[in-house]
Amino acid sequence: MYGLYYSTNHGDKHELVSGVADMQVYYGIDNNLGVVNKYLRAKEITDLKLWNKVLSVRIELKTQGRLSLINRRTIYIKLRGRG
């Protein structure tokens, strides 16, 4: 079991999410029409041109805790003013 942390410039650590069992990051690739048509992992983006077509990032966290709850949230954040 892991926690997801961030640290400040002063070195202070703060826990964002506890009980993280798995984390996956997917990058939404533009299909030249200004919309995402597929999501790829970083290791699948082998060409710099593809990195320039990233419009979104999808982060999936699998957490475990004492309660057996399923909660799915979606938050959209624009990258480079696109998306």
PDB file of N, CA and C in Angstrom:
ATOM      1  N   MET A   1       0.846  -1.173   0.000  1.00  0.00           N
ATOM      2  CA  MET A   1       0.000   0.000   0.000  1.00  0.00           C
ATOM      3  C   MET A   1       0.890   1.234   0.000  1.00  0.00           C
ATOM      4  N   TYR A   2       0.511   2.218  -0.780  1.00  0.00           N
ATOM      5  CA  TYR A   2       1.289   3.446  -0.905  1.00  0.00           C
ATOM      6  C   TYR A   2       0.401   4.647  -0.641  1.00  0.00           C
ATOM      7  N   GLY A   3       1.020   5.778  -0.504  1.00  0.00           N
ATOM      8  CA  GLY A   3       0.318   7.050  -0.459  1.00  0.00           C
ATOM      9  C   GLY A   3       0.821   7.893  -1.610  1.00  0.00           C
ATOM     10  N   LEU A   4       0.035   8.846  -2.030  1.00  0.00           N
ATOM     11  CA  LEU A   4       0.447   9.771  -3.084  1.00  0.00           C
ATOM     12  C   LEU A   4       0.754  11.097  -2.413  1.00  0.00           C
ATOM     13  N   TYR A   5       1.980  11.572  -2.577  1.00  0.00           N
ATOM     14  CA  TYR A   5       2.457  12.763  -1.875  1.00  0.00           C
ATOM     15  C   TYR A   5       2.902  13.835  -2.857  1.00  0.00           C
ATOM     16  N   TYR A   6       2.950  15.047  -2.375  1.00  0.00           N
ATOM     17  CA  TYR A   6       3.636  16.123  -3.080  1.00  0.00           C
ATOM     18  C   TYR A   6       4.509  16.833  -2.065  1.00  0.00           C
ATOM     19  N   SER A   7       5.554  17.491  -2.548  1.00  0.00           N
ATOM     20  CA  SER A   7       6.420  18.233  -1.632  1.00  0.00           C
ATOM     21  C   SER A   7       6.568  19.667  -2.109  1.00  0.00           C
ATOM     22  N   THR A   8       6.740  20.555  -1.165  1.00  0.00           N
ATOM     23  CA  THR A   8       6.897  21.974  -1.466  1.00  0.00           C
ATOM     24  C   THR A   8       8.363  22.265  -1.770  1.00  0.00           C
ATOM     25  N   ASN A   9       8.641  23.489  -2.184  1.00  0.00           N
ATOM     26  CA  ASN A   9      10.026  23.896  -2.436  1.00  0.00           C
ATOM     27  C   ASN A   9      10.862  23.857  -1.167  1.00  0.00           C
ATOM     28  N   HIS A  10      10.204  23.886  -0.022  1.00  0.00           N
ATOM     29  CA  HIS A  10      10.906  23.838   1.259  1.00  0.00           C
ATOM     30  C   HIS A  10      11.141  22.402   1.729  1.00  0.00           C
ATOM     31  N   GLY A  11      10.695  21.420   0.954  1.00  0.00           N
ATOM     32  CA  GLY A  11      10.907  20.026   1.300  1.00  0.00           C
ATOM     33  C   GLY A  11       9.822  19.409   2.158  1.00  0.00           C
ATOM     34  N   ASP A  12       8.768  20.165   2.466  1.00  0.00           N
ATOM     35  CA  ASP A  12       7.660  19.625   3.260  1.00  0.00           C
ATOM     36  C   ASP A  12       6.859  18.642   2.412  1.00  0.00           C
ATOM     37  N   LYS A  13       6.575  17.449   2.973  1.00  0.00           N
ATOM     38  CA  LYS A  13       5.764  16.454   2.273  1.00  0.00           C
ATOM     39  C   LYS A  13       4.328  16.510   2.777  1.00  0.00           C
ATOM     40  N   HIS A  14       3.387  16.423   1.835  1.00  0.00           N
ATOM     41  CA  HIS A  14       1.966  16.414   2.166  1.00  0.00           C
ATOM     42  C   HIS A  14       1.302  15.264   1.414  1.00  0.00           C
ATOM     43  N   GLU A  15       0.513  14.491   2.141  1.00  0.00           N
ATOM     44  CA  GLU A  15      -0.178  13.365   1.518  1.00  0.00           C
ATOM     45  C   GLU A  15      -1.429  13.856   0.808  1.00  0.00           C
ATOM     46  N   LEU A  16      -1.564  13.494  -0.472  1.00  0.00           N
ATOM     47  CA  LEU A  16      -2.757  13.815  -1.246  1.00  0.00           C
ATOM     48  C   LEU A  16      -3.791  12.704  -1.151  1.00  0.00           C
ATOM     49  N   VAL A  17      -3.338  11.462  -1.303  1.00  0.00           N
ATOM     50  CA  VAL A  17      -4.230  10.301  -1.303  1.00  0.00           C
ATOM     51  C   VAL A  17      -3.543   9.183  -0.532  1.00  0.00           C
ATOM     52  N   SER A  18      -4.269   8.560   0.374  1.00  0.00           N
ATOM     53  CA  SER A  18      -3.703   7.422   1.104  1.00  0.00           C
ATOM     54  C   SER A  18      -4.272   6.126   0.554  1.00  0.00           C
ATOM     55  N   GLY A  19      -3.585   5.033   0.816  1.00  0.00           N
ATOM     56  CA  GLY A  19      -4.076   3.723   0.415  1.00  0.00           C
ATOM     57  C   GLY A  19      -4.025   3.467  -1.073  1.00  0.00           C
ATOM     58  N   VAL A  20      -3.059   4.045  -1.789  1.00  0.00           N
ATOM     59  CA  VAL A  20      -2.957   3.863  -3.241  1.00  0.00           C
ATOM     60  C   VAL A  20      -2.371   2.484  -3.528  1.00  0.00           C
ATOM     61  N   ALA A  21      -3.135   1.641  -4.223  1.00  0.00           N
ATOM     62  CA  ALA A  21      -2.683   0.307  -4.597  1.00  0.00           C
ATOM     63  C   ALA A  21      -2.080   0.295  -5.998  1.00  0.00           C
ATOM     64  N   ASP A  22      -2.534   1.206  -6.878  1.00  0.00           N
ATOM     65  CA  ASP A  22      -2.040   1.243  -8.255  1.00  0.00           C
ATOM     66  C   ASP A  22      -2.302   2.626  -8.835  1.00  0.00           C
ATOM     67  N   MET A  23      -1.401   3.078  -9.717  1.00  0.00           N
ATOM     68  CA  MET A  23      -1.566   4.360 -10.400  1.00  0.00           C
ATOM     69  C   MET A  23      -1.166   4.189 -11.853  1.00  0.00           C
ATOM     70  N   GLN A  24      -2.030   4.605 -12.755  1.00  0.00           N
ATOM     71  CA  GLN A  24      -1.765   4.548 -14.187  1.00  0.00           C
ATOM     72  C   GLN A  24      -1.951   5.947 -14.768  1.00  0.00           C
ATOM     73  N   VAL A  25      -1.068   6.332 -15.701  1.00  0.00           N
ATOM     74  CA  VAL A  25      -1.153   7.633 -16.360  1.00  0.00           C
ATOM     75  C   VAL A  25      -1.277   7.392 -17.857  1.00  0.00           C
ATOM     76  N   TYR A  26      -2.283   8.001 -18.470  1.00  0.00           N
ATOM     77  CA  TYR A  26      -2.519   7.893 -19.905  1.00  0.00           C
ATOM     78  C   TYR A  26      -2.565   9.293 -20.510  1.00  0.00           C
ATOM     79  N   TYR A  27      -2.002   9.434 -21.707  1.00  0.00           N
ATOM     80  CA  TYR A  27      -1.950  10.720 -22.394  1.00  0.00           C
ATOM     81  C   TYR A  27      -2.898  10.695 -23.584  1.00  0.00           C
ATOM     82  N   GLY A  28      -3.790  11.692 -23.650  1.00  0.00           N
ATOM     83  CA  GLY A  28      -4.765  11.791 -24.731  1.00  0.00           C
ATOM     84  C   GLY A  28      -4.142  12.438 -25.950  1.00  0.00           C
ATOM     85  N   ILE A  29      -4.128  11.711 -27.068  1.00  0.00           N
ATOM     86  CA  ILE A  29      -3.481  12.158 -28.298  1.00  0.00           C
ATOM     87  C   ILE A  29      -4.516  12.752 -29.254  1.00  0.00           C
ATOM     88  N   ASP A  30      -4.175  13.905 -29.834  1.00  0.00           N
ATOM     89  CA  ASP A  30      -5.013  14.619 -30.801  1.00  0.00           C
ATOM     90  C   ASP A  30      -5.024  13.864 -32.127  1.00  0.00           C
ATOM     91  N   ASN A  31      -6.188  13.792 -32.748  1.00  0.00           N
ATOM     92  CA  ASN A  31      -6.313  13.124 -34.043  1.00  0.00           C
ATOM     93  C   ASN A  31      -6.273  14.118 -35.201  1.00  0.00           C
ATOM     94  N   ASN A  32      -5.648  15.275 -34.984  1.00  0.00           N
ATOM     95  CA  ASN A  32      -5.522  16.358 -35.967  1.00  0.00           C
ATOM     96  C   ASN A  32      -6.816  17.118 -36.188  1.00  0.00           C
ATOM     97  N   LEU A  33      -7.845  16.836 -35.405  1.00  0.00           N
ATOM     98  CA  LEU A  33      -9.098  17.585 -35.476  1.00  0.00           C
ATOM     99  C   LEU A  33      -9.338  18.359 -34.185  1.00  0.00           C
ATOM    100  N   GLY A  34      -8.343  18.376 -33.303  1.00  0.00           N
ATOM    101  CA  GLY A  34      -8.468  19.112 -32.054  1.00  0.00           C
ATOM    102  C   GLY A  34      -9.168  18.363 -30.945  1.00  0.00           C
ATOM    103  N   VAL A  35      -9.368  17.055 -31.126  1.00  0.00           N
ATOM    104  CA  VAL A  35      -9.994  16.239 -30.086  1.00  0.00           C
ATOM    105  C   VAL A  35      -9.149  14.987 -29.849  1.00  0.00           C
ATOM    106  N   VAL A  36      -9.277  14.426 -28.660  1.00  0.00           N
ATOM    107  CA  VAL A  36      -8.547  13.203 -28.315  1.00  0.00           C
ATOM    108  C   VAL A  36      -9.246  12.009 -28.947  1.00  0.00           C
ATOM    109  N   ASN A  37      -8.469  11.181 -29.643  1.00  0.00           N
ATOM    110  CA  ASN A  37      -9.064   9.968 -30.205  1.00  0.00           C
ATOM    111  C   ASN A  37      -8.475   8.692 -29.614  1.00  0.00           C
ATOM    112  N   LYS A  38      -7.373   8.830 -28.834  1.00  0.00           N
ATOM    113  CA  LYS A  38      -6.833   7.646 -28.156  1.00  0.00           C
ATOM    114  C   LYS A  38      -5.975   8.085 -26.979  1.00  0.00           C
ATOM    115  N   TYR A  39      -5.854   7.183 -26.018  1.00  0.00           N
ATOM    116  CA  TYR A  39      -5.017   7.398 -24.842  1.00  0.00           C
ATOM    117  C   TYR A  39      -3.870   6.393 -24.875  1.00  0.00           C
ATOM    118  N   LEU A  40      -2.651   6.883 -24.614  1.00  0.00           N
ATOM    119  CA  LEU A  40      -1.468   6.035 -24.624  1.00  0.00           C
ATOM    120  C   LEU A  40      -0.665   6.231 -23.345  1.00  0.00           C
ATOM    121  N   ARG A  41       0.090   5.194 -22.961  1.00  0.00           N
ATOM    122  CA  ARG A  41       1.044   5.323 -21.858  1.00  0.00           C
ATOM    123  C   ARG A  41       2.305   5.994 -22.389  1.00  0.00           C
ATOM    124  N   ALA A  42       3.098   6.548 -21.493  1.00  0.00           N
ATOM    125  CA  ALA A  42       4.319   7.257 -21.892  1.00  0.00           C
ATOM    126  C   ALA A  42       5.242   6.362 -22.720  1.00  0.00           C
ATOM    127  N   LYS A  43       5.359   5.094 -22.341  1.00  0.00           N
ATOM    128  CA  LYS A  43       6.266   4.204 -23.074  1.00  0.00           C
ATOM    129  C   LYS A  43       5.784   3.921 -24.496  1.00  0.00           C
ATOM    130  N   GLU A  44       4.501   4.198 -24.776  1.00  0.00           N
ATOM    131  CA  GLU A  44       3.961   3.989 -26.119  1.00  0.00           C
ATOM    132  C   GLU A  44       4.135   5.213 -27.017  1.00  0.00           C
ATOM    133  N   ILE A  45       4.508   6.348 -26.427  1.00  0.00           N
ATOM    134  CA  ILE A  45       4.694   7.574 -27.206  1.00  0.00           C
ATOM    135  C   ILE A  45       6.179   7.677 -27.519  1.00  0.00           C
ATOM    136  N   THR A  46       6.557   7.136 -28.666  1.00  0.00           N
ATOM    137  CA  THR A  46       7.969   7.015 -29.013  1.00  0.00           C
ATOM    138  C   THR A  46       8.448   8.127 -29.939  1.00  0.00           C
ATOM    139  N   ASP A  47       7.555   8.962 -30.407  1.00  0.00           N
ATOM    140  CA  ASP A  47       7.892  10.009 -31.366  1.00  0.00           C
ATOM    141  C   ASP A  47       7.594  11.374 -30.749  1.00  0.00           C
ATOM    142  N   LEU A  48       8.525  12.315 -30.876  1.00  0.00           N
ATOM    143  CA  LEU A  48       8.331  13.658 -30.330  1.00  0.00           C
ATOM    144  C   LEU A  48       7.083  14.323 -30.910  1.00  0.00           C
ATOM    145  N   LYS A  49       6.747  14.001 -32.147  1.00  0.00           N
ATOM    146  CA  LYS A  49       5.546  14.582 -32.764  1.00  0.00           C
ATOM    147  C   LYS A  49       4.288  14.178 -31.995  1.00  0.00           C
ATOM    148  N   LEU A  50       4.273  12.962 -31.466  1.00  0.00           N
ATOM    149  CA  LEU A  50       3.117  12.522 -30.674  1.00  0.00           C
ATOM    150  C   LEU A  50       3.031  13.290 -29.364  1.00  0.00           C
ATOM    151  N   TRP A  51       4.175  13.565 -28.717  1.00  0.00           N
ATOM    152  CA  TRP A  51       4.157  14.336 -27.473  1.00  0.00           C
ATOM    153  C   TRP A  51       3.566  15.719 -27.713  1.00  0.00           C
ATOM    154  N   ASN A  52       3.823  16.288 -28.876  1.00  0.00           N
ATOM    155  CA  ASN A  52       3.277  17.609 -29.205  1.00  0.00           C
ATOM    156  C   ASN A  52       1.776  17.566 -29.462  1.00  0.00           C
ATOM    157  N   LYS A  53       1.210  16.369 -29.621  1.00  0.00           N
ATOM    158  CA  LYS A  53      -0.226  16.213 -29.865  1.00  0.00           C
ATOM    159  C   LYS A  53      -1.007  15.851 -28.603  1.00  0.00           C
ATOM    160  N   VAL A  54      -0.338  15.833 -27.456  1.00  0.00           N
ATOM    161  CA  VAL A  54      -1.021  15.508 -26.199  1.00  0.00           C
ATOM    162  C   VAL A  54      -1.952  16.657 -25.822  1.00  0.00           C
ATOM    163  N   LEU A  55      -3.242  16.335 -25.667  1.00  0.00           N
ATOM    164  CA  LEU A  55      -4.251  17.320 -25.271  1.00  0.00           C
ATOM    165  C   LEU A  55      -4.716  17.127 -23.840  1.00  0.00           C
ATOM    166  N   SER A  56      -4.589  15.903 -23.327  1.00  0.00           N
ATOM    167  CA  SER A  56      -5.108  15.644 -21.985  1.00  0.00           C
ATOM    168  C   SER A  56      -4.289  14.554 -21.315  1.00  0.00           C
ATOM    169  N   VAL A  57      -4.446  14.465 -20.010  1.00  0.00           N
ATOM    170  CA  VAL A  57      -3.806  13.416 -19.222  1.00  0.00           C
ATOM    171  C   VAL A  57      -4.881  12.775 -18.357  1.00  0.00           C
ATOM    172  N   ARG A  58      -4.954  11.461 -18.391  1.00  0.00           N
ATOM    173  CA  ARG A  58      -5.904  10.720 -17.558  1.00  0.00           C
ATOM    174  C   ARG A  58      -5.099   9.957 -16.510  1.00  0.00           C
ATOM    175  N   ILE A  59      -5.404  10.214 -15.258  1.00  0.00           N
ATOM    176  CA  ILE A  59      -4.717   9.541 -14.156  1.00  0.00           C
ATOM    177  C   ILE A  59      -5.730   8.656 -13.449  1.00  0.00           C
ATOM    178  N   GLU A  60      -5.412   7.378 -13.360  1.00  0.00           N
ATOM    179  CA  GLU A  60      -6.286   6.423 -12.690  1.00  0.00           C
ATOM    180  C   GLU A  60      -5.599   5.937 -11.420  1.00  0.00           C
ATOM    181  N   LEU A  61      -6.280   6.106 -10.304  1.00  0.00           N
ATOM    182  CA  LEU A  61      -5.775   5.632  -9.018  1.00  0.00           C
ATOM    183  C   LEU A  61      -6.675   4.518  -8.511  1.00  0.00           C
ATOM    184  N   LYS A  62      -6.073   3.413  -8.121  1.00  0.00           N
ATOM    185  CA  LYS A  62      -6.820   2.355  -7.449  1.00  0.00           C
ATOM    186  C   LYS A  62      -6.423   2.437  -5.986  1.00  0.00           C
ATOM    187  N   THR A  63      -7.408   2.661  -5.131  1.00  0.00           N
ATOM    188  CA  THR A  63      -7.128   2.806  -3.708  1.00  0.00           C
ATOM    189  C   THR A  63      -7.804   1.693  -2.919  1.00  0.00           C
ATOM    190  N   GLN A  64      -7.247   1.414  -1.760  1.00  0.00           N
ATOM    191  CA  GLN A  64      -7.831   0.435  -0.853  1.00  0.00           C
ATOM    192  C   GLN A  64      -7.906   1.057   0.527  1.00  0.00           C
ATOM    193  N   GLY A  65      -9.000   0.787   1.176  1.00  0.00           N
ATOM    194  CA  GLY A  65      -9.171   1.291   2.526  1.00  0.00           C
ATOM    195  C   GLY A  65     -10.009   0.333   3.338  1.00  0.00           C
ATOM    196  N   ARG A  66     -10.407   0.787   4.495  1.00  0.00           N
ATOM    197  CA  ARG A  66     -11.216  -0.059   5.369  1.00  0.00           C
ATOM    198  C   ARG A  66     -12.642  -0.196   4.864  1.00  0.00           C
ATOM    199  N   LEU A  67     -13.146   0.836   4.183  1.00  0.00           N
ATOM    200  CA  LEU A  67     -14.508   0.791   3.657  1.00  0.00           C
ATOM    201  C   LEU A  67     -14.485   0.355   2.203  1.00  0.00           C
ATOM    202  N   SER A  68     -15.475  -0.382   1.803  1.00  0.00           N
ATOM    203  CA  SER A  68     -15.563  -0.876   0.442  1.00  0.00           C
ATOM    204  C   SER A  68     -16.472   0.046  -0.370  1.00  0.00           C
ATOM    205  N   LEU A  69     -15.930   1.171  -0.805  1.00  0.00           N
ATOM    206  CA  LEU A  69     -16.693   2.153  -1.571  1.00  0.00           C
ATOM    207  C   LEU A  69     -16.099   2.296  -2.961  1.00  0.00           C
ATOM    208  N   ILE A  70     -16.959   2.522  -3.940  1.00  0.00           N
ATOM    209  CA  ILE A  70     -16.493   2.815  -5.293  1.00  0.00           C
ATOM    210  C   ILE A  70     -16.901   4.239  -5.602  1.00  0.00           C
ATOM    211  N   ASN A  71     -15.921   5.067  -5.895  1.00  0.00           N
ATOM    212  CA  ASN A  71     -16.177   6.469  -6.197  1.00  0.00           C
ATOM    213  C   ASN A  71     -15.318   6.851  -7.387  1.00  0.00           C
ATOM    214  N   ARG A  72     -15.953   7.254  -8.458  1.00  0.00           N
ATOM    215  CA  ARG A  72     -15.216   7.631  -9.658  1.00  0.00           C
ATOM    216  C   ARG A  72     -15.405   9.119  -9.885  1.00  0.00           C
ATOM    217  N   ARG A  73     -14.303   9.836 -10.032  1.00  0.00           N
ATOM    218  CA  ARG A  73     -14.349  11.274 -10.283  1.00  0.00           C
ATOM    219  C   ARG A  73     -13.605  11.581 -11.570  1.00  0.00           C
ATOM    220  N   THR A  74     -14.099  12.531 -12.302  1.00  0.00           N
ATOM    221  CA  THR A  74     -13.433  12.998 -13.507  1.00  0.00           C
ATOM    222  C   THR A  74     -13.242  14.497 -13.391  1.00  0.00           C
ATOM    223  N   ILE A  75     -12.004  14.931 -13.553  1.00  0.00           N
ATOM    224  CA  ILE A  75     -11.668  16.350 -13.514  1.00  0.00           C
ATOM    225  C   ILE A  75     -10.924  16.673 -14.799  1.00  0.00           C
ATOM    226  N   TYR A  76     -11.364  17.708 -15.506  1.00  0.00           N
ATOM    227  CA  TYR A  76     -10.725  18.102 -16.752  1.00  0.00           C
ATOM    228  C   TYR A  76      -9.888  19.351 -16.530  1.00  0.00           C
ATOM    229  N   ILE A  77      -8.653  19.310 -17.000  1.00  0.00           N
ATOM    230  CA  ILE A  77      -7.733  20.442 -16.909  1.00  0.00           C
ATOM    231  C   ILE A  77      -7.135  20.654 -18.289  1.00  0.00           C
ATOM    232  N   LYS A  78      -7.196  21.881 -18.788  1.00  0.00           N
ATOM    233  CA  LYS A  78      -6.641  22.174 -20.111  1.00  0.00           C
ATOM    234  C   LYS A  78      -5.120  22.185 -20.067  1.00  0.00           C
ATOM    235  N   LEU A  79      -4.507  21.609 -21.102  1.00  0.00           N
ATOM    236  CA  LEU A  79      -3.061  21.633 -21.259  1.00  0.00           C
ATOM    237  C   LEU A  79      -2.713  22.574 -22.396  1.00  0.00           C
ATOM    238  N   ARG A  80      -1.824  23.493 -22.126  1.00  0.00           N
ATOM    239  CA  ARG A  80      -1.394  24.471 -23.128  1.00  0.00           C
ATOM    240  C   ARG A  80      -2.576  25.214 -23.735  1.00  0.00           C
ATOM    241  N   GLY A  81      -3.616  25.451 -22.937  1.00  0.00           N
ATOM    242  CA  GLY A  81      -4.787  26.179 -23.416  1.00  0.00           C
ATOM    243  C   GLY A  81      -5.640  25.404 -24.390  1.00  0.00           C
ATOM    244  N   ARG A  82      -5.419  24.090 -24.486  1.00  0.00           N
ATOM    245  CA  ARG A  82      -6.184  23.261 -25.415  1.00  0.00           C
ATOM    246  C   ARG A  82      -7.023  22.263 -24.633  1.00  0.00           C
ATOM    247  N   GLY A  83      -7.934  21.644 -25.329  1.00  0.00           N
ATOM    248  CA  GLY A  83      -8.689  20.548 -24.724  1.00  0.00           C
ATOM    249  C   GLY A  83     -10.070  20.913 -24.281  1.00  0.00           C
TER     250      GLY A  83
END
